[in-house]
Amino acid sequence: MTFIRVMTLIFNHVHTILFLLGCVCVVVAIGCLTSFYYGLLALGVVLILIAYLINKE
């Protein structure tokens, strides 16, 4: 593997991990600031968004 290919692979994994951590933080914040039911609603929206992004690629 070339250096550029390795860097692209690492960047893609880091980008994915940061995206998932951001989604988790948003869901936890909504759940803590409002109620458990709004947290579940936010979790559902995030999971639909992730499924859409995976399907798009």
PDB file of N, CA and C in Angstrom:
ATOM      1  N   MET A   1       0.840  -1.189   0.000  1.00  0.00           N
ATOM      2  CA  MET A   1       0.000   0.000   0.000  1.00  0.00           C
ATOM      3  C   MET A   1       0.881   1.247   0.000  1.00  0.00           C
ATOM      4  N   THR A   2       0.442   2.214  -0.739  1.00  0.00           N
ATOM      5  CA  THR A   2       1.191   3.459  -0.767  1.00  0.00           C
ATOM      6  C   THR A   2       0.821   4.326   0.430  1.00  0.00           C
ATOM      7  N   PHE A   3       1.632   5.338   0.652  1.00  0.00           N
ATOM      8  CA  PHE A   3       1.419   6.224   1.794  1.00  0.00           C
ATOM      9  C   PHE A   3       0.084   6.958   1.686  1.00  0.00           C
ATOM     10  N   ILE A   4      -0.247   7.415   0.500  1.00  0.00           N
ATOM     11  CA  ILE A   4      -1.501   8.169   0.315  1.00  0.00           C
ATOM     12  C   ILE A   4      -2.701   7.270   0.569  1.00  0.00           C
ATOM     13  N   ARG A   5      -2.617   6.031   0.135  1.00  0.00           N
ATOM     14  CA  ARG A   5      -3.737   5.100   0.353  1.00  0.00           C
ATOM     15  C   ARG A   5      -3.919   4.802   1.849  1.00  0.00           C
ATOM     16  N   VAL A   6      -2.820   4.647   2.567  1.00  0.00           N
ATOM     17  CA  VAL A   6      -2.878   4.398   4.007  1.00  0.00           C
ATOM     18  C   VAL A   6      -3.471   5.614   4.724  1.00  0.00           C
ATOM     19  N   MET A   7      -3.041   6.802   4.352  1.00  0.00           N
ATOM     20  CA  MET A   7      -3.571   8.015   4.984  1.00  0.00           C
ATOM     21  C   MET A   7      -5.061   8.176   4.702  1.00  0.00           C
ATOM     22  N   THR A   8      -5.496   7.862   3.495  1.00  0.00           N
ATOM     23  CA  THR A   8      -6.921   7.941   3.165  1.00  0.00           C
ATOM     24  C   THR A   8      -7.720   6.946   3.996  1.00  0.00           C
ATOM     25  N   LEU A   9      -7.207   5.741   4.156  1.00  0.00           N
ATOM     26  CA  LEU A   9      -7.887   4.719   4.952  1.00  0.00           C
ATOM     27  C   LEU A   9      -8.004   5.156   6.408  1.00  0.00           C
ATOM     28  N   ILE A  10      -6.924   5.669   6.971  1.00  0.00           N
ATOM     29  CA  ILE A  10      -6.948   6.135   8.368  1.00  0.00           C
ATOM     30  C   ILE A  10      -7.900   7.309   8.526  1.00  0.00           C
ATOM     31  N   PHE A  11      -7.880   8.248   7.588  1.00  0.00           N
ATOM     32  CA  PHE A  11      -8.756   9.411   7.668  1.00  0.00           C
ATOM     33  C   PHE A  11     -10.219   8.998   7.612  1.00  0.00           C
ATOM     34  N   ASN A  12     -10.552   8.037   6.757  1.00  0.00           N
ATOM     35  CA  ASN A  12     -11.942   7.585   6.665  1.00  0.00           C
ATOM     36  C   ASN A  12     -12.415   6.964   7.977  1.00  0.00           C
ATOM     37  N   HIS A  13     -11.556   6.188   8.636  1.00  0.00           N
ATOM     38  CA  HIS A  13     -11.952   5.582   9.904  1.00  0.00           C
ATOM     39  C   HIS A  13     -12.098   6.629  11.002  1.00  0.00           C
ATOM     40  N   VAL A  14     -11.189   7.574  11.050  1.00  0.00           N
ATOM     41  CA  VAL A  14     -11.265   8.632  12.056  1.00  0.00           C
ATOM     42  C   VAL A  14     -12.515   9.476  11.828  1.00  0.00           C
ATOM     43  N   HIS A  15     -12.813   9.775  10.587  1.00  0.00           N
ATOM     44  CA  HIS A  15     -14.006  10.558  10.257  1.00  0.00           C
ATOM     45  C   HIS A  15     -15.267   9.829  10.702  1.00  0.00           C
ATOM     46  N   THR A  16     -15.336   8.537  10.475  1.00  0.00           N
ATOM     47  CA  THR A  16     -16.497   7.740  10.876  1.00  0.00           C
ATOM     48  C   THR A  16     -16.642   7.709  12.396  1.00  0.00           C
ATOM     49  N   ILE A  17     -15.551   7.513  13.102  1.00  0.00           N
ATOM     50  CA  ILE A  17     -15.602   7.466  14.568  1.00  0.00           C
ATOM     51  C   ILE A  17     -16.044   8.807  15.136  1.00  0.00           C
ATOM     52  N   LEU A  18     -15.517   9.900  14.590  1.00  0.00           N
ATOM     53  CA  LEU A  18     -15.925  11.226  15.067  1.00  0.00           C
ATOM     54  C   LEU A  18     -17.396  11.494  14.782  1.00  0.00           C
ATOM     55  N   PHE A  19     -17.884  11.054  13.634  1.00  0.00           N
ATOM     56  CA  PHE A  19     -19.304  11.232  13.307  1.00  0.00           C
ATOM     57  C   PHE A  19     -20.186  10.464  14.293  1.00  0.00           C
ATOM     58  N   LEU A  20     -19.825   9.218  14.586  1.00  0.00           N
ATOM     59  CA  LEU A  20     -20.628   8.417  15.511  1.00  0.00           C
ATOM     60  C   LEU A  20     -20.572   8.975  16.932  1.00  0.00           C
ATOM     61  N   LEU A  21     -19.402   9.446  17.362  1.00  0.00           N
ATOM     62  CA  LEU A  21     -19.302  10.058  18.685  1.00  0.00           C
ATOM     63  C   LEU A  21     -20.127  11.345  18.764  1.00  0.00           C
ATOM     64  N   GLY A  22     -20.141  12.114  17.697  1.00  0.00           N
ATOM     65  CA  GLY A  22     -20.972  13.320  17.656  1.00  0.00           C
ATOM     66  C   GLY A  22     -22.441  12.988  17.756  1.00  0.00           C
ATOM     67  N   CYS A  23     -22.873  11.944  17.054  1.00  0.00           N
ATOM     68  CA  CYS A  23     -24.277  11.528  17.128  1.00  0.00           C
ATOM     69  C   CYS A  23     -24.643  11.064  18.531  1.00  0.00           C
ATOM     70  N   VAL A  24     -23.749  10.326  19.171  1.00  0.00           N
ATOM     71  CA  VAL A  24     -23.998   9.857  20.536  1.00  0.00           C
ATOM     72  C   VAL A  24     -24.109  11.048  21.490  1.00  0.00           C
ATOM     73  N   CYS A  25     -23.228  12.021  21.329  1.00  0.00           N
ATOM     74  CA  CYS A  25     -23.276  13.210  22.197  1.00  0.00           C
ATOM     75  C   CYS A  25     -24.578  13.980  22.026  1.00  0.00           C
ATOM     76  N   VAL A  26     -25.048  14.105  20.801  1.00  0.00           N
ATOM     77  CA  VAL A  26     -26.307  14.812  20.546  1.00  0.00           C
ATOM     78  C   VAL A  26     -27.467  14.072  21.196  1.00  0.00           C
ATOM     79  N   VAL A  27     -27.512  12.760  21.047  1.00  0.00           N
ATOM     80  CA  VAL A  27     -28.609  11.978  21.629  1.00  0.00           C
ATOM     81  C   VAL A  27     -28.580  12.054  23.149  1.00  0.00           C
ATOM     82  N   VAL A  28     -27.406  11.956  23.749  1.00  0.00           N
ATOM     83  CA  VAL A  28     -27.297  12.030  25.208  1.00  0.00           C
ATOM     84  C   VAL A  28     -27.703  13.417  25.702  1.00  0.00           C
ATOM     85  N   ALA A  29     -27.283  14.455  24.998  1.00  0.00           N
ATOM     86  CA  ALA A  29     -27.641  15.811  25.405  1.00  0.00           C
ATOM     87  C   ALA A  29     -29.147  16.033  25.339  1.00  0.00           C
ATOM     88  N   ILE A  30     -29.778  15.577  24.270  1.00  0.00           N
ATOM     89  CA  ILE A  30     -31.235  15.736  24.161  1.00  0.00           C
ATOM     90  C   ILE A  30     -31.931  14.921  25.242  1.00  0.00           C
ATOM     91  N   GLY A  31     -31.435  13.711  25.487  1.00  0.00           N
ATOM     92  CA  GLY A  31     -32.031  12.873  26.530  1.00  0.00           C
ATOM     93  C   GLY A  31     -31.891  13.466  27.915  1.00  0.00           C
ATOM     94  N   CYS A  32     -30.762  14.084  28.202  1.00  0.00           N
ATOM     95  CA  CYS A  32     -30.537  14.672  29.532  1.00  0.00           C
ATOM     96  C   CYS A  32     -31.281  15.991  29.708  1.00  0.00           C
ATOM     97  N   LEU A  33     -31.334  16.785  28.659  1.00  0.00           N
ATOM     98  CA  LEU A  33     -31.956  18.104  28.785  1.00  0.00           C
ATOM     99  C   LEU A  33     -33.479  18.047  28.760  1.00  0.00           C
ATOM    100  N   THR A  34     -34.042  17.078  28.074  1.00  0.00           N
ATOM    101  CA  THR A  34     -35.511  17.005  28.002  1.00  0.00           C
ATOM    102  C   THR A  34     -35.989  15.793  28.795  1.00  0.00           C
ATOM    103  N   SER A  35     -36.400  14.775  28.113  1.00  0.00           N
ATOM    104  CA  SER A  35     -36.859  13.574  28.804  1.00  0.00           C
ATOM    105  C   SER A  35     -36.399  12.346  28.034  1.00  0.00           C
ATOM    106  N   PHE A  36     -36.654  11.206  28.611  1.00  0.00           N
ATOM    107  CA  PHE A  36     -36.241   9.936  28.019  1.00  0.00           C
ATOM    108  C   PHE A  36     -36.889   9.731  26.650  1.00  0.00           C
ATOM    109  N   TYR A  37     -38.134  10.152  26.493  1.00  0.00           N
ATOM    110  CA  TYR A  37     -38.852   9.920  25.245  1.00  0.00           C
ATOM    111  C   TYR A  37     -38.293  10.764  24.107  1.00  0.00           C
ATOM    112  N   TYR A  38     -37.913  11.994  24.385  1.00  0.00           N
ATOM    113  CA  TYR A  38     -37.283  12.815  23.350  1.00  0.00           C
ATOM    114  C   TYR A  38     -35.899  12.277  23.003  1.00  0.00           C
ATOM    115  N   GLY A  39     -35.223  11.689  23.962  1.00  0.00           N
ATOM    116  CA  GLY A  39     -33.939  11.040  23.698  1.00  0.00           C
ATOM    117  C   GLY A  39     -34.089   9.859  22.759  1.00  0.00           C
ATOM    118  N   LEU A  40     -35.142   9.061  22.963  1.00  0.00           N
ATOM    119  CA  LEU A  40     -35.413   7.950  22.050  1.00  0.00           C
ATOM    120  C   LEU A  40     -35.781   8.449  20.662  1.00  0.00           C
ATOM    121  N   LEU A  41     -36.524   9.536  20.592  1.00  0.00           N
ATOM    122  CA  LEU A  41     -36.869  10.126  19.300  1.00  0.00           C
ATOM    123  C   LEU A  41     -35.611  10.604  18.584  1.00  0.00           C
ATOM    124  N   ALA A  42     -34.712  11.257  19.302  1.00  0.00           N
ATOM    125  CA  ALA A  42     -33.457  11.712  18.709  1.00  0.00           C
ATOM    126  C   ALA A  42     -32.612  10.526  18.257  1.00  0.00           C
ATOM    127  N   LEU A  43     -32.595   9.458  19.034  1.00  0.00           N
ATOM    128  CA  LEU A  43     -31.859   8.257  18.654  1.00  0.00           C
ATOM    129  C   LEU A  43     -32.410   7.665  17.361  1.00  0.00           C
ATOM    130  N   GLY A  44     -33.720   7.632  17.236  1.00  0.00           N
ATOM    131  CA  GLY A  44     -34.341   7.135  16.012  1.00  0.00           C
ATOM    132  C   GLY A  44     -33.971   7.978  14.801  1.00  0.00           C
ATOM    133  N   VAL A  45     -33.978   9.285  14.972  1.00  0.00           N
ATOM    134  CA  VAL A  45     -33.618  10.176  13.863  1.00  0.00           C
ATOM    135  C   VAL A  45     -32.158   9.970  13.467  1.00  0.00           C
ATOM    136  N   VAL A  46     -31.278   9.832  14.442  1.00  0.00           N
ATOM    137  CA  VAL A  46     -29.862   9.623  14.144  1.00  0.00           C
ATOM    138  C   VAL A  46     -29.651   8.290  13.435  1.00  0.00           C
ATOM    139  N   LEU A  47     -30.328   7.243  13.865  1.00  0.00           N
ATOM    140  CA  LEU A  47     -30.182   5.943  13.217  1.00  0.00           C
ATOM    141  C   LEU A  47     -30.711   5.967  11.787  1.00  0.00           C
ATOM    142  N   ILE A  48     -31.803   6.677  11.553  1.00  0.00           N
ATOM    143  CA  ILE A  48     -32.312   6.819  10.186  1.00  0.00           C
ATOM    144  C   ILE A  48     -31.329   7.595   9.331  1.00  0.00           C
ATOM    145  N   LEU A  49     -30.723   8.639   9.893  1.00  0.00           N
ATOM    146  CA  LEU A  49     -29.721   9.420   9.168  1.00  0.00           C
ATOM    147  C   LEU A  49     -28.508   8.562   8.813  1.00  0.00           C
ATOM    148  N   ILE A  50     -28.043   7.761   9.745  1.00  0.00           N
ATOM    149  CA  ILE A  50     -26.893   6.889   9.475  1.00  0.00           C
ATOM    150  C   ILE A  50     -27.250   5.860   8.409  1.00  0.00           C
ATOM    151  N   ALA A  51     -28.433   5.276   8.488  1.00  0.00           N
ATOM    152  CA  ALA A  51     -28.856   4.304   7.481  1.00  0.00           C
ATOM    153  C   ALA A  51     -28.943   4.954   6.099  1.00  0.00           C
ATOM    154  N   TYR A  52     -29.429   6.183   6.036  1.00  0.00           N
ATOM    155  CA  TYR A  52     -29.516   6.910   4.771  1.00  0.00           C
ATOM    156  C   TYR A  52     -28.127   7.173   4.199  1.00  0.00           C
ATOM    157  N   LEU A  53     -27.197   7.582   5.060  1.00  0.00           N
ATOM    158  CA  LEU A  53     -25.840   7.869   4.597  1.00  0.00           C
ATOM    159  C   LEU A  53     -25.139   6.589   4.114  1.00  0.00           C
ATOM    160  N   ILE A  54     -25.357   5.472   4.786  1.00  0.00           N
ATOM    161  CA  ILE A  54     -24.761   4.216   4.356  1.00  0.00           C
ATOM    162  C   ILE A  54     -25.364   3.773   3.022  1.00  0.00           C
ATOM    163  N   ASN A  55     -26.656   3.927   2.863  1.00  0.00           N
ATOM    164  CA  ASN A  55     -27.332   3.535   1.640  1.00  0.00           C
ATOM    165  C   ASN A  55     -26.912   4.407   0.475  1.00  0.00           C
ATOM    166  N   LYS A  56     -26.630   5.674   0.752  1.00  0.00           N
ATOM    167  CA  LYS A  56     -26.250   6.620  -0.303  1.00  0.00           C
ATOM    168  C   LYS A  56     -24.897   6.252  -0.919  1.00  0.00           C
ATOM    169  N   GLU A  57     -23.982   5.741  -0.120  1.00  0.00           N
ATOM    170  CA  GLU A  57     -22.666   5.356  -0.626  1.00  0.00           C
ATOM    171  C   GLU A  57     -22.798   4.047  -1.305  1.00  0.00           C
TER     172      GLU A  57
END
